[in-house]
């Protein structure tokens, strides 16, 4: 049994795939298998992964009909044999010490989840920049109730490793939505909330490639954040998870998602969008928003102000920026 199973869900990423795979195969830690899940790619990705599998017997390639990110990850989880699971996205890359440091930490602390800092690798035509995301945590081992701040930022499920037995015993799998679909949101909530032992490494190993400077430029379907939010809260309710600090940090992320959606250049059904925003805000605990001290003024405004008003504000801001650029 390998110590780590590395799952790479792949769909049409020929431009970045070799850099990703080279970074995995260059790890100082050697005891791992690599499951390359070709999810119906129509570019040169299938040939690239086949070529790599011929060079290294730790690589196992699966060619599938396209089922989306969540489906590909679930196929990898069901096929994995490792003690721990790593999920690496094929347009990203990792530091050579990532597996060694995270695995050693996992063994030392008997962790269900080992989380690390990460880099946002902004890679646009106009701007190249690395931004480090890290958390101020001193404890060797903790639970999400002690450090719920992970839940208010990007899920970043790839800057971590997970005990495979822990995932299987708790039946933790991805939502199988169309395309990418933000299916890492519920996976992060489930792993963090159910883990009895989380540990953290205060070093960034993972380089998350971002191709748009603004988050609202990437999202194509305004319904996705609301669908994932519904699934998260359904799961929280079924599992009787109602800790106020956990909910507060989830609310913070959701308020950020509202702002992302309302800054989209085009929303197919604006009335439905406003209704979904009101439903999302309606299930938030007002006392937590107003009295916890965790929310900024802009976040409280996002909670209170009608979505129509917020939408107009973002429209005017976008027009102003365009005019300013033009002049």
Protein backbone atom coordinates (compact mmCIF):
# COMPACT_ATOMS: atom_id res chain seq x y z
CA UNK A 1 0.00 0.00 0.00
CA UNK A 2 1.51 3.38 -0.97
CA UNK A 3 1.70 6.04 1.71
CA UNK A 4 -0.08 8.63 -0.47
CA UNK A 5 -2.49 8.41 -3.39
CA UNK A 6 -2.27 11.51 -5.57
CA UNK A 7 -5.47 12.16 -7.53
CA UNK A 8 -5.27 14.47 -10.55
CA UNK A 9 -8.63 15.15 -12.31
CA UNK A 10 -7.80 16.23 -15.87
CA UNK A 11 -9.82 18.00 -18.52
CA UNK A 12 -8.23 19.89 -21.44
CA UNK A 13 -5.17 21.28 -19.65
CA UNK A 14 -2.40 20.46 -22.11
CA UNK A 15 -0.78 23.88 -21.60
CA UNK A 16 -0.02 23.31 -17.89
CA UNK A 17 -0.17 19.54 -17.43
CA UNK A 18 3.53 18.73 -17.81
CA UNK A 19 4.51 21.34 -15.22
CA UNK A 20 2.00 19.82 -12.80
CA UNK A 21 3.12 16.23 -13.34
CA UNK A 22 6.81 17.10 -13.19
CA UNK A 23 6.29 18.78 -9.82
CA UNK A 24 4.59 15.64 -8.48
CA UNK A 25 7.27 13.28 -9.76
CA UNK A 26 10.02 15.53 -8.37
CA UNK A 27 8.88 15.09 -4.77
CA UNK A 28 11.52 14.22 -2.18
CA UNK A 29 8.94 11.76 -0.80
CA UNK A 30 8.78 8.76 -3.14
CA UNK A 31 6.20 6.34 -1.75
CA UNK A 32 3.08 7.37 -3.63
CA UNK A 33 0.84 6.41 -6.52
CA UNK A 34 -0.48 8.93 -9.05
CA UNK A 35 -4.01 8.44 -10.39
CA UNK A 36 -4.43 10.50 -13.54
CA UNK A 37 -8.15 10.74 -14.30
CA UNK A 38 -8.59 11.89 -17.90
CA UNK A 39 -12.18 13.11 -17.79
CA UNK A 40 -12.93 13.00 -21.51
CA UNK A 41 -10.30 15.52 -22.63
CA UNK A 42 -10.45 16.57 -26.29
CA UNK A 43 -7.01 18.22 -26.45
CA UNK A 44 -3.57 16.62 -26.17
CA UNK A 45 -3.96 15.76 -22.46
CA UNK A 46 -4.71 12.03 -23.02
CA UNK A 47 -1.47 11.52 -24.95
CA UNK A 48 0.52 13.47 -22.35
CA UNK A 49 -0.70 11.30 -19.48
CA UNK A 50 -0.13 8.10 -21.45
CA UNK A 51 3.43 9.19 -22.19
CA UNK A 52 4.09 9.90 -18.52
CA UNK A 53 2.68 6.53 -17.46
CA UNK A 54 5.23 4.80 -19.67
CA UNK A 55 8.07 6.60 -17.86
CA UNK A 56 7.01 5.96 -14.24
CA UNK A 57 5.25 2.85 -12.93
CA UNK A 58 3.73 4.82 -10.03
CA UNK A 59 1.39 6.47 -12.54
CA UNK A 60 -1.98 4.88 -13.29
CA UNK A 61 -4.06 6.43 -16.08
CA UNK A 62 -7.83 6.23 -16.42
CA UNK A 63 -9.61 7.53 -19.52
CA UNK A 64 -13.29 8.27 -18.88
CA UNK A 65 -16.29 9.88 -20.51
CA UNK A 66 -16.58 13.43 -19.20
CA UNK A 67 -18.40 13.53 -15.88
CA UNK A 68 -17.09 16.70 -14.28
CA UNK A 69 -14.56 17.53 -11.58
CA UNK A 70 -16.51 15.97 -8.71
CA UNK A 71 -17.13 12.73 -10.59
CA UNK A 72 -13.46 12.44 -11.58
CA UNK A 73 -12.32 13.03 -8.00
CA UNK A 74 -14.78 10.44 -6.69
CA UNK A 75 -13.50 7.90 -9.21
CA UNK A 76 -10.00 8.58 -7.92
CA UNK A 77 -11.09 8.25 -4.29
CA UNK A 78 -12.77 4.91 -5.03
CA UNK A 79 -9.66 3.66 -6.85
CA UNK A 80 -7.04 4.92 -4.40
CA UNK A 81 -5.01 2.56 -2.21
CA UNK A 82 -2.88 4.99 -0.25
CA UNK A 83 -2.90 5.68 3.47
CA UNK A 84 -3.42 9.37 2.71
CA UNK A 85 -5.05 11.21 -0.19
CA UNK A 86 -3.76 14.26 -2.05
CA UNK A 87 -5.80 16.03 -4.73
CA UNK A 88 -3.79 18.12 -7.17
CA UNK A 89 -5.42 20.18 -9.91
CA UNK A 90 -3.72 19.78 -13.30
CA UNK A 91 -3.08 23.45 -14.01
CA UNK A 92 -1.27 23.92 -10.68
CA UNK A 93 2.08 22.72 -9.33
CA UNK A 94 3.65 21.94 -5.95
CA UNK A 95 6.88 22.38 -4.02
CA UNK A 96 9.16 19.32 -3.98
CA UNK A 97 8.86 18.96 -0.17
CA UNK A 98 5.07 19.04 0.07
CA UNK A 99 4.37 15.32 0.44
CA UNK A 100 7.29 14.64 2.76
CA UNK A 101 6.44 17.46 5.16
CA UNK A 102 2.69 16.88 5.21
CA UNK A 103 2.96 13.10 5.55
CA UNK A 104 5.50 13.35 8.39
CA UNK A 105 3.18 15.77 10.15
CA UNK A 106 0.24 13.41 9.67
CA UNK A 107 2.11 10.47 11.18
CA UNK A 108 3.46 12.53 14.08
CA UNK A 109 0.02 13.90 15.01
CA UNK A 110 -2.18 11.00 13.84
CA UNK A 111 -4.14 13.57 11.83
CA UNK A 112 -7.29 13.08 9.79
CA UNK A 113 -6.40 16.22 7.83
CA UNK A 114 -3.08 18.04 7.43
CA UNK A 115 -3.57 21.54 6.04
CA UNK A 116 -0.88 23.91 4.79
CA UNK A 117 -0.52 27.48 3.59
CA UNK A 118 -0.64 28.03 -0.19
CA UNK A 119 0.18 30.51 -2.93
CA UNK A 120 -2.31 32.13 -5.26
CA UNK A 121 -0.37 32.16 -8.51
CA UNK A 122 -1.99 35.01 -10.43
CA UNK A 123 -1.18 34.30 -14.07
CA UNK A 124 -2.92 36.77 -16.37
CA UNK A 125 -1.73 38.56 -19.50
CA UNK A 126 -1.49 41.85 -17.61
CA UNK A 127 -0.31 40.65 -14.21
CA UNK A 128 1.92 37.95 -12.68
CA UNK A 129 1.93 37.77 -8.90
CA UNK A 130 2.26 35.34 -6.00
CA UNK A 131 0.04 35.90 -2.97
CA UNK A 132 0.50 33.75 0.11
CA UNK A 133 -2.47 32.62 2.18
CA UNK A 134 -1.64 31.39 5.67
CA UNK A 135 -3.25 31.14 9.10
CA UNK A 136 -1.91 32.09 12.52
CA UNK A 137 -2.14 28.75 14.31
CA UNK A 138 0.17 27.58 17.12
CA UNK A 139 -1.43 24.28 18.20
CA UNK A 140 -0.07 21.00 16.84
CA UNK A 141 -3.53 19.42 16.66
CA UNK A 142 -6.96 21.02 16.79
CA UNK A 143 -10.56 20.75 15.60
CA UNK A 144 -12.51 23.14 13.41
CA UNK A 145 -14.40 24.47 16.46
CA UNK A 146 -11.07 25.78 17.74
CA UNK A 147 -10.02 27.24 14.38
CA UNK A 148 -13.10 27.87 12.21
CA UNK A 149 -11.27 30.57 10.22
CA UNK A 150 -10.44 28.02 7.51
CA UNK A 151 -14.12 28.05 6.54
CA UNK A 152 -14.30 31.73 5.60
CA UNK A 153 -11.61 31.58 2.90
CA UNK A 154 -11.23 29.62 -0.34
CA UNK A 155 -11.80 25.87 0.23
CA UNK A 156 -8.25 25.16 -1.07
CA UNK A 157 -8.78 21.43 -0.59
CA UNK A 158 -5.60 20.74 -2.57
CA UNK A 159 -3.29 22.33 0.03
CA UNK A 160 -3.88 19.38 2.34
CA UNK A 161 -3.75 15.61 2.64
CA UNK A 162 -6.54 13.43 4.03
CA UNK A 163 -6.54 10.10 5.82
CA UNK A 164 -8.26 7.73 3.39
CA UNK A 165 -9.85 5.62 6.14
CA UNK A 166 -11.28 8.80 7.66
CA UNK A 167 -12.84 9.75 4.29
CA UNK A 168 -14.28 6.29 3.72
CA UNK A 169 -15.62 5.79 7.24
CA UNK A 170 -17.48 9.10 7.01
CA UNK A 171 -18.59 8.51 3.39
CA UNK A 172 -17.02 11.80 2.32
CA UNK A 173 -17.18 12.29 -1.42
CA UNK A 174 -17.62 15.16 -3.89
CA UNK A 175 -20.87 16.51 -5.25
CA UNK A 176 -21.07 15.30 -8.85
CA UNK A 177 -22.15 18.48 -10.57
CA UNK A 178 -21.64 19.52 -14.18
CA UNK A 179 -18.16 20.85 -15.02
CA UNK A 180 -16.11 22.17 -12.10
CA UNK A 181 -19.19 23.44 -10.26
CA UNK A 182 -17.47 24.50 -7.01
CA UNK A 183 -17.79 20.91 -5.79
CA UNK A 184 -14.88 21.38 -3.41
CA UNK A 185 -17.06 23.54 -1.11
CA UNK A 186 -19.00 20.74 0.58
CA UNK A 187 -15.93 18.46 0.59
CA UNK A 188 -14.03 21.05 2.62
CA UNK A 189 -16.90 21.54 5.08
CA UNK A 190 -17.31 17.80 5.60
CA UNK A 191 -13.62 17.04 6.08
CA UNK A 192 -12.98 19.94 8.43
CA UNK A 193 -16.14 19.51 10.50
CA UNK A 194 -15.83 15.74 10.92
CA UNK A 195 -12.09 15.56 11.54
CA UNK A 196 -11.22 14.85 15.17
CA UNK A 197 -7.58 15.79 14.53
CA UNK A 198 -6.54 18.57 12.15
CA UNK A 199 -2.95 19.77 11.96
CA UNK A 200 -1.42 22.70 10.14
CA UNK A 201 1.94 23.32 8.47
CA UNK A 202 2.79 27.01 8.28
CA UNK A 203 4.52 26.82 4.92
CA UNK A 204 3.15 27.29 1.40
CA UNK A 205 3.78 24.37 -0.95
CA UNK A 206 0.91 24.61 -3.40
CA UNK A 207 0.81 27.06 -6.32
CA UNK A 208 -2.83 27.62 -7.27
CA UNK A 209 -2.94 29.09 -10.77
CA UNK A 210 -5.55 31.83 -11.21
CA UNK A 211 -6.19 33.06 -14.74
CA UNK A 212 -8.49 35.99 -13.91
CA UNK A 213 -7.64 38.84 -11.59
CA UNK A 214 -11.26 39.13 -10.40
CA UNK A 215 -13.27 36.15 -9.16
CA UNK A 216 -16.44 37.31 -10.92
CA UNK A 217 -14.71 36.95 -14.31
CA UNK A 218 -14.41 33.18 -13.83
CA UNK A 219 -17.95 32.28 -12.82
CA UNK A 220 -20.31 31.52 -15.72
CA UNK A 221 -23.39 30.20 -13.92
CA UNK A 222 -24.78 32.43 -11.17
CA UNK A 223 -26.72 29.53 -9.60
CA UNK A 224 -23.63 27.52 -8.63
CA UNK A 225 -22.74 29.28 -5.32
CA UNK A 226 -26.35 29.06 -4.17
CA UNK A 227 -26.65 25.35 -4.99
CA UNK A 228 -23.46 24.55 -3.09
CA UNK A 229 -24.65 26.70 -0.17
CA UNK A 230 -27.94 24.80 -0.04
CA UNK A 231 -26.06 21.49 0.05
CA UNK A 232 -23.74 22.70 2.80
CA UNK A 233 -26.56 23.87 5.06
CA UNK A 234 -28.61 20.73 4.43
CA UNK A 235 -25.60 18.67 5.49
CA UNK A 236 -24.91 20.83 8.56
CA UNK A 237 -28.52 20.47 9.66
CA UNK A 238 -28.56 16.69 9.15
CA UNK A 239 -25.37 16.34 11.17
CA UNK A 240 -26.52 18.73 13.92
CA UNK A 241 -23.60 21.10 13.40
CA UNK A 242 -24.70 24.49 14.72
CA UNK A 243 -21.65 25.97 16.41
CA UNK A 244 -21.97 29.76 16.05
CA UNK A 245 -18.32 30.34 15.14
CA UNK A 246 -18.46 27.70 12.42
CA UNK A 247 -21.64 29.24 11.02
CA UNK A 248 -20.16 32.75 11.22
CA UNK A 249 -17.19 31.83 9.05
CA UNK A 250 -19.40 30.05 6.54
CA UNK A 251 -21.60 33.15 6.39
CA UNK A 252 -18.53 35.29 5.70
CA UNK A 253 -17.68 33.19 2.68
CA UNK A 254 -21.27 33.22 1.46
CA UNK A 255 -21.50 37.01 1.70
CA UNK A 256 -18.38 37.12 -0.43
CA UNK A 257 -20.06 34.86 -2.97
CA UNK A 258 -23.05 37.20 -3.15
CA UNK A 259 -20.71 40.05 -4.09
CA UNK A 260 -19.00 37.87 -6.72
CA UNK A 261 -22.31 36.97 -8.35
CA UNK A 262 -23.60 40.54 -8.39
CA UNK A 263 -20.44 41.70 -10.15
CA UNK A 264 -20.89 39.27 -13.04
CA UNK A 265 -21.15 41.02 -16.40
CA UNK A 266 -24.30 39.07 -17.28
CA UNK A 267 -26.85 37.24 -15.11
CA UNK A 268 -29.29 35.11 -17.07
CA UNK A 269 -32.31 35.43 -14.74
CA UNK A 270 -31.85 38.42 -12.48
CA UNK A 271 -35.14 37.96 -10.62
CA UNK A 272 -34.22 34.38 -9.73
CA UNK A 273 -30.76 35.57 -8.70
CA UNK A 274 -32.21 38.12 -6.28
CA UNK A 275 -34.53 35.47 -4.84
CA UNK A 276 -31.62 33.08 -4.25
CA UNK A 277 -29.64 35.83 -2.53
CA UNK A 278 -32.58 36.60 -0.24
CA UNK A 279 -32.98 32.90 0.61
CA UNK A 280 -29.26 32.58 1.36
CA UNK A 281 -29.31 35.65 3.60
CA UNK A 282 -32.63 34.63 5.14
CA UNK A 283 -31.20 31.49 6.70
CA UNK A 284 -28.29 33.40 8.26
CA UNK A 285 -28.56 34.04 11.98
CA UNK A 286 -28.99 37.81 12.33
CA UNK A 287 -27.48 37.88 15.82
CA UNK A 288 -24.31 36.20 14.58
CA UNK A 289 -23.94 38.69 11.73
CA UNK A 290 -24.53 41.81 13.81
CA UNK A 291 -23.07 40.89 17.21
CA UNK A 292 -20.20 38.46 16.72
CA UNK A 293 -17.66 41.12 15.79
CA UNK A 294 -16.35 38.96 12.93
CA UNK A 295 -17.92 40.90 10.08
CA UNK A 296 -16.63 44.01 8.33
CA UNK A 297 -18.86 46.98 7.50
CA UNK A 298 -19.02 45.95 3.83
CA UNK A 299 -20.02 42.39 4.81
CA UNK A 300 -22.80 43.70 7.06
CA UNK A 301 -23.99 45.93 4.21
CA UNK A 302 -24.02 42.92 1.89
CA UNK A 303 -26.24 41.19 4.45
CA UNK A 304 -28.60 44.15 4.94
CA UNK A 305 -28.86 46.01 1.64
CA UNK A 306 -31.40 44.71 -0.94
CA UNK A 307 -29.66 42.78 -3.74
CA UNK A 308 -31.14 45.14 -6.33
CA UNK A 309 -29.36 48.08 -4.69
CA UNK A 310 -26.07 46.20 -4.42
CA UNK A 311 -26.32 45.15 -8.04
CA UNK A 312 -26.82 48.74 -9.22
CA UNK A 313 -23.86 49.84 -7.12
CA UNK A 314 -21.56 47.26 -8.74
CA UNK A 315 -22.87 48.16 -12.21
CA UNK A 316 -22.09 51.83 -11.69
CA UNK A 317 -18.67 50.96 -10.34
CA UNK A 318 -17.89 48.83 -13.42
CA UNK A 319 -19.06 51.57 -15.79
CA UNK A 320 -16.98 54.15 -13.93
CA UNK A 321 -13.88 51.97 -14.16
CA UNK A 322 -14.41 51.46 -17.88
CA UNK A 323 -14.84 55.19 -18.46
CA UNK A 324 -11.80 55.94 -16.34
CA UNK A 325 -9.71 53.49 -18.38
CA UNK A 326 -10.99 54.96 -21.61
CA UNK A 327 -10.11 58.52 -20.62
